[in-house]
Amino acid sequence: MDGKNESTTADGSARPLKVEIATYEANRTQFERDFPNQWVVIKGTEIIGHYATMDEAADEGLKRFGGKPFLLRQVCAPTEIVLPASVVYARVVA
């Protein structure tokens, strides 16, 4: 074993959400058929749920996982989108 795992690149940098993205891709056809335009939350290989809005999906992910990474993705959305900083960084609830 070379000391690297599948969640790092050859140079040792992190590959966040690799497992979650693979889980999404493996279920893409079902998601597109059953949940078009909804938002899915995935942690590891577990599909947490599907939600009508991004806020509902994000709230569920934050409630379950706090500051730990999870995948939040809109079904049928383009593969690559640019997110504003307000989405990239965790919300602080006072």
N, C-alpha and C. Protein backbone atom coordinates (compact mmCIF):
# COMPACT_ATOMS: atom_id res chain seq x y z
N MET A 1 0.85 -1.18 0.00
CA MET A 1 0.00 0.00 0.00
C MET A 1 0.89 1.23 0.00
N ASP A 2 0.53 2.25 -0.76
CA ASP A 2 1.37 3.43 -0.90
C ASP A 2 1.03 4.56 0.06
N GLY A 3 0.10 4.34 1.00
CA GLY A 3 -0.23 5.37 1.98
C GLY A 3 -1.30 6.33 1.51
N LYS A 4 -1.71 6.23 0.25
CA LYS A 4 -2.75 7.11 -0.27
C LYS A 4 -4.08 6.35 -0.23
N ASN A 5 -5.16 7.11 -0.20
CA ASN A 5 -6.46 6.47 -0.30
C ASN A 5 -7.24 7.10 -1.44
N GLU A 6 -8.42 6.58 -1.69
CA GLU A 6 -9.19 7.04 -2.85
C GLU A 6 -9.75 8.44 -2.68
N SER A 7 -9.65 9.02 -1.46
CA SER A 7 -10.15 10.37 -1.30
C SER A 7 -9.05 11.42 -1.40
N THR A 8 -7.88 11.01 -1.91
CA THR A 8 -6.81 11.98 -2.17
C THR A 8 -6.32 11.81 -3.60
N THR A 9 -5.74 12.87 -4.12
CA THR A 9 -5.16 12.82 -5.47
C THR A 9 -3.73 12.31 -5.37
N ALA A 10 -3.06 12.16 -6.50
CA ALA A 10 -1.69 11.64 -6.53
C ALA A 10 -0.74 12.52 -5.72
N ASP A 11 -1.02 13.83 -5.67
CA ASP A 11 -0.14 14.72 -4.91
C ASP A 11 -0.54 14.83 -3.44
N GLY A 12 -1.54 14.03 -3.02
CA GLY A 12 -1.95 14.01 -1.61
C GLY A 12 -3.03 15.02 -1.26
N SER A 13 -3.46 15.85 -2.22
CA SER A 13 -4.51 16.81 -1.91
C SER A 13 -5.86 16.10 -1.82
N ALA A 14 -6.76 16.69 -1.08
CA ALA A 14 -8.06 16.07 -0.82
C ALA A 14 -8.94 16.06 -2.06
N ARG A 15 -9.74 15.01 -2.18
CA ARG A 15 -10.79 14.91 -3.19
C ARG A 15 -12.10 14.84 -2.44
N PRO A 16 -12.60 15.97 -2.01
CA PRO A 16 -13.82 15.95 -1.21
C PRO A 16 -15.01 15.40 -1.99
N LEU A 17 -15.82 14.64 -1.33
CA LEU A 17 -17.09 14.14 -1.85
C LEU A 17 -16.97 13.14 -2.99
N LYS A 18 -15.82 12.51 -3.16
CA LYS A 18 -15.66 11.55 -4.25
C LYS A 18 -16.69 10.42 -4.15
N VAL A 19 -16.87 9.86 -2.96
CA VAL A 19 -17.83 8.76 -2.78
C VAL A 19 -19.25 9.26 -3.03
N GLU A 20 -19.57 10.44 -2.54
CA GLU A 20 -20.91 10.99 -2.71
C GLU A 20 -21.23 11.26 -4.18
N ILE A 21 -20.25 11.79 -4.90
CA ILE A 21 -20.45 12.05 -6.33
C ILE A 21 -20.66 10.74 -7.08
N ALA A 22 -19.89 9.71 -6.74
CA ALA A 22 -20.06 8.40 -7.37
C ALA A 22 -21.43 7.82 -7.06
N THR A 23 -21.91 8.03 -5.83
CA THR A 23 -23.25 7.55 -5.45
C THR A 23 -24.31 8.27 -6.27
N TYR A 24 -24.16 9.59 -6.43
CA TYR A 24 -25.11 10.35 -7.25
C TYR A 24 -25.12 9.82 -8.68
N GLU A 25 -23.95 9.65 -9.25
CA GLU A 25 -23.86 9.18 -10.64
C GLU A 25 -24.47 7.79 -10.80
N ALA A 26 -24.26 6.92 -9.82
CA ALA A 26 -24.81 5.57 -9.90
C ALA A 26 -26.34 5.57 -9.84
N ASN A 27 -26.92 6.61 -9.26
CA ASN A 27 -28.37 6.69 -9.10
C ASN A 27 -29.01 7.76 -9.98
N ARG A 28 -28.21 8.37 -10.85
CA ARG A 28 -28.69 9.50 -11.66
C ARG A 28 -29.96 9.18 -12.44
N THR A 29 -30.02 8.05 -13.10
CA THR A 29 -31.19 7.71 -13.92
C THR A 29 -32.46 7.65 -13.07
N GLN A 30 -32.36 7.02 -11.92
CA GLN A 30 -33.52 6.95 -11.02
C GLN A 30 -33.90 8.33 -10.52
N PHE A 31 -32.92 9.14 -10.13
CA PHE A 31 -33.20 10.49 -9.65
C PHE A 31 -33.91 11.30 -10.73
N GLU A 32 -33.40 11.23 -11.96
CA GLU A 32 -33.99 12.01 -13.05
C GLU A 32 -35.41 11.56 -13.35
N ARG A 33 -35.68 10.27 -13.20
CA ARG A 33 -37.02 9.75 -13.45
C ARG A 33 -37.97 10.11 -12.30
N ASP A 34 -37.51 9.93 -11.05
CA ASP A 34 -38.40 10.06 -9.90
C ASP A 34 -38.41 11.42 -9.22
N PHE A 35 -37.32 12.18 -9.33
CA PHE A 35 -37.20 13.43 -8.59
C PHE A 35 -36.67 14.59 -9.44
N PRO A 36 -37.20 14.80 -10.64
CA PRO A 36 -36.65 15.87 -11.49
C PRO A 36 -36.75 17.23 -10.82
N ASN A 37 -35.66 17.98 -10.93
CA ASN A 37 -35.54 19.35 -10.40
C ASN A 37 -35.58 19.45 -8.89
N GLN A 38 -35.61 18.32 -8.19
CA GLN A 38 -35.53 18.36 -6.73
C GLN A 38 -34.06 18.32 -6.31
N TRP A 39 -33.82 18.51 -5.04
CA TRP A 39 -32.48 18.51 -4.48
C TRP A 39 -32.28 17.24 -3.68
N VAL A 40 -31.14 16.59 -3.86
CA VAL A 40 -30.82 15.38 -3.10
C VAL A 40 -29.66 15.66 -2.15
N VAL A 41 -29.69 14.96 -1.03
CA VAL A 41 -28.62 15.02 -0.05
C VAL A 41 -28.04 13.62 0.06
N ILE A 42 -26.72 13.53 -0.09
CA ILE A 42 -26.03 12.24 -0.05
C ILE A 42 -24.83 12.37 0.89
N LYS A 43 -24.67 11.35 1.75
CA LYS A 43 -23.51 11.27 2.64
C LYS A 43 -22.92 9.89 2.47
N GLY A 44 -21.69 9.83 1.99
CA GLY A 44 -21.08 8.53 1.70
C GLY A 44 -21.88 7.86 0.60
N THR A 45 -22.30 6.63 0.84
CA THR A 45 -23.13 5.92 -0.13
C THR A 45 -24.61 5.98 0.23
N GLU A 46 -24.95 6.73 1.27
CA GLU A 46 -26.34 6.82 1.73
C GLU A 46 -27.06 8.00 1.10
N ILE A 47 -28.20 7.74 0.51
CA ILE A 47 -29.06 8.80 -0.03
C ILE A 47 -29.96 9.22 1.12
N ILE A 48 -29.74 10.42 1.63
CA ILE A 48 -30.46 10.89 2.79
C ILE A 48 -31.91 11.23 2.44
N GLY A 49 -32.10 11.89 1.30
CA GLY A 49 -33.46 12.24 0.90
C GLY A 49 -33.47 13.18 -0.28
N HIS A 50 -34.68 13.52 -0.71
CA HIS A 50 -34.88 14.48 -1.81
C HIS A 50 -35.83 15.56 -1.31
N TYR A 51 -35.60 16.79 -1.79
CA TYR A 51 -36.29 17.95 -1.24
C TYR A 51 -36.66 18.90 -2.37
N ALA A 52 -37.75 19.63 -2.17
CA ALA A 52 -38.25 20.54 -3.20
C ALA A 52 -37.36 21.76 -3.38
N THR A 53 -36.71 22.21 -2.31
CA THR A 53 -35.88 23.41 -2.41
C THR A 53 -34.47 23.15 -1.89
N MET A 54 -33.54 23.99 -2.32
CA MET A 54 -32.17 23.88 -1.84
C MET A 54 -32.11 24.16 -0.35
N ASP A 55 -32.90 25.12 0.13
CA ASP A 55 -32.89 25.44 1.56
C ASP A 55 -33.32 24.24 2.40
N GLU A 56 -34.36 23.54 1.97
CA GLU A 56 -34.82 22.35 2.72
C GLU A 56 -33.72 21.29 2.75
N ALA A 57 -33.09 21.06 1.60
CA ALA A 57 -32.03 20.05 1.52
C ALA A 57 -30.83 20.46 2.37
N ALA A 58 -30.42 21.71 2.28
CA ALA A 58 -29.27 22.19 3.06
C ALA A 58 -29.56 22.12 4.55
N ASP A 59 -30.76 22.51 4.95
CA ASP A 59 -31.12 22.45 6.37
C ASP A 59 -31.04 21.02 6.90
N GLU A 60 -31.53 20.07 6.12
CA GLU A 60 -31.47 18.66 6.54
C GLU A 60 -30.02 18.19 6.64
N GLY A 61 -29.21 18.52 5.65
CA GLY A 61 -27.81 18.13 5.69
C GLY A 61 -27.08 18.72 6.87
N LEU A 62 -27.31 20.00 7.13
CA LEU A 62 -26.65 20.66 8.26
C LEU A 62 -27.15 20.10 9.59
N LYS A 63 -28.43 19.80 9.67
CA LYS A 63 -28.99 19.23 10.90
C LYS A 63 -28.35 17.87 11.19
N ARG A 64 -28.19 17.05 10.16
CA ARG A 64 -27.64 15.70 10.36
C ARG A 64 -26.13 15.67 10.50
N PHE A 65 -25.43 16.51 9.72
CA PHE A 65 -23.98 16.36 9.61
C PHE A 65 -23.19 17.57 10.11
N GLY A 66 -23.87 18.64 10.48
CA GLY A 66 -23.17 19.82 10.98
C GLY A 66 -22.16 20.32 9.97
N GLY A 67 -20.93 20.51 10.40
CA GLY A 67 -19.89 21.03 9.52
C GLY A 67 -19.18 19.99 8.69
N LYS A 68 -19.60 18.72 8.79
CA LYS A 68 -18.96 17.67 7.99
C LYS A 68 -19.47 17.73 6.56
N PRO A 69 -18.64 17.34 5.58
CA PRO A 69 -19.06 17.44 4.17
C PRO A 69 -20.18 16.45 3.81
N PHE A 70 -21.06 16.92 2.96
CA PHE A 70 -22.11 16.09 2.36
C PHE A 70 -22.42 16.68 1.00
N LEU A 71 -23.00 15.87 0.12
CA LEU A 71 -23.33 16.34 -1.22
C LEU A 71 -24.75 16.86 -1.26
N LEU A 72 -24.90 18.05 -1.78
CA LEU A 72 -26.20 18.69 -1.99
C LEU A 72 -26.25 19.00 -3.48
N ARG A 73 -27.16 18.34 -4.19
CA ARG A 73 -27.16 18.50 -5.65
C ARG A 73 -28.58 18.52 -6.21
N GLN A 74 -28.81 19.40 -7.17
CA GLN A 74 -30.10 19.44 -7.83
C GLN A 74 -30.12 18.41 -8.95
N VAL A 75 -31.16 17.61 -8.98
CA VAL A 75 -31.32 16.60 -10.03
C VAL A 75 -31.58 17.32 -11.34
N CYS A 76 -30.91 16.89 -12.40
CA CYS A 76 -31.02 17.44 -13.75
C CYS A 76 -30.27 18.76 -13.91
N ALA A 77 -29.55 19.19 -12.88
CA ALA A 77 -28.77 20.42 -12.99
C ALA A 77 -27.53 20.14 -13.83
N PRO A 78 -26.94 21.17 -14.42
CA PRO A 78 -25.69 20.96 -15.16
C PRO A 78 -24.65 20.33 -14.25
N THR A 79 -23.73 19.58 -14.84
CA THR A 79 -22.71 18.89 -14.05
C THR A 79 -21.86 19.85 -13.26
N GLU A 80 -21.48 20.97 -13.84
CA GLU A 80 -20.65 21.93 -13.13
C GLU A 80 -21.38 23.26 -13.07
N ILE A 81 -21.52 23.77 -11.85
CA ILE A 81 -22.11 25.09 -11.66
C ILE A 81 -21.22 25.86 -10.70
N VAL A 82 -21.28 27.16 -10.77
CA VAL A 82 -20.52 28.01 -9.86
C VAL A 82 -21.47 28.42 -8.74
N LEU A 83 -21.03 28.16 -7.50
CA LEU A 83 -21.86 28.51 -6.35
C LEU A 83 -21.34 29.78 -5.71
N PRO A 84 -22.25 30.64 -5.24
CA PRO A 84 -21.81 31.84 -4.54
C PRO A 84 -21.20 31.46 -3.19
N ALA A 85 -20.36 32.33 -2.67
CA ALA A 85 -19.69 32.06 -1.40
C ALA A 85 -20.68 31.76 -0.28
N SER A 86 -21.86 32.36 -0.32
CA SER A 86 -22.84 32.14 0.74
C SER A 86 -23.32 30.68 0.78
N VAL A 87 -23.19 29.96 -0.32
CA VAL A 87 -23.57 28.55 -0.35
C VAL A 87 -22.37 27.67 0.02
N VAL A 88 -21.20 28.08 -0.35
CA VAL A 88 -20.00 27.30 -0.13
C VAL A 88 -19.66 27.22 1.35
N TYR A 89 -19.86 28.32 2.08
CA TYR A 89 -19.53 28.37 3.49
C TYR A 89 -20.77 28.09 4.34
N ALA A 90 -20.57 27.38 5.44
CA ALA A 90 -21.69 26.99 6.31
C ALA A 90 -22.40 28.22 6.86
N ARG A 91 -23.72 28.08 6.99
CA ARG A 91 -24.51 29.13 7.59
C ARG A 91 -24.30 29.10 9.11
N VAL A 92 -24.31 30.26 9.70
CA VAL A 92 -24.20 30.35 11.15
C VAL A 92 -25.55 30.73 11.69
N VAL A 93 -26.09 29.90 12.55
CA VAL A 93 -27.40 30.16 13.14
C VAL A 93 -27.17 30.63 14.56
N ALA A 94 -27.65 31.83 14.85
CA ALA A 94 -27.44 32.40 16.20
C ALA A 94 -28.64 32.17 17.07
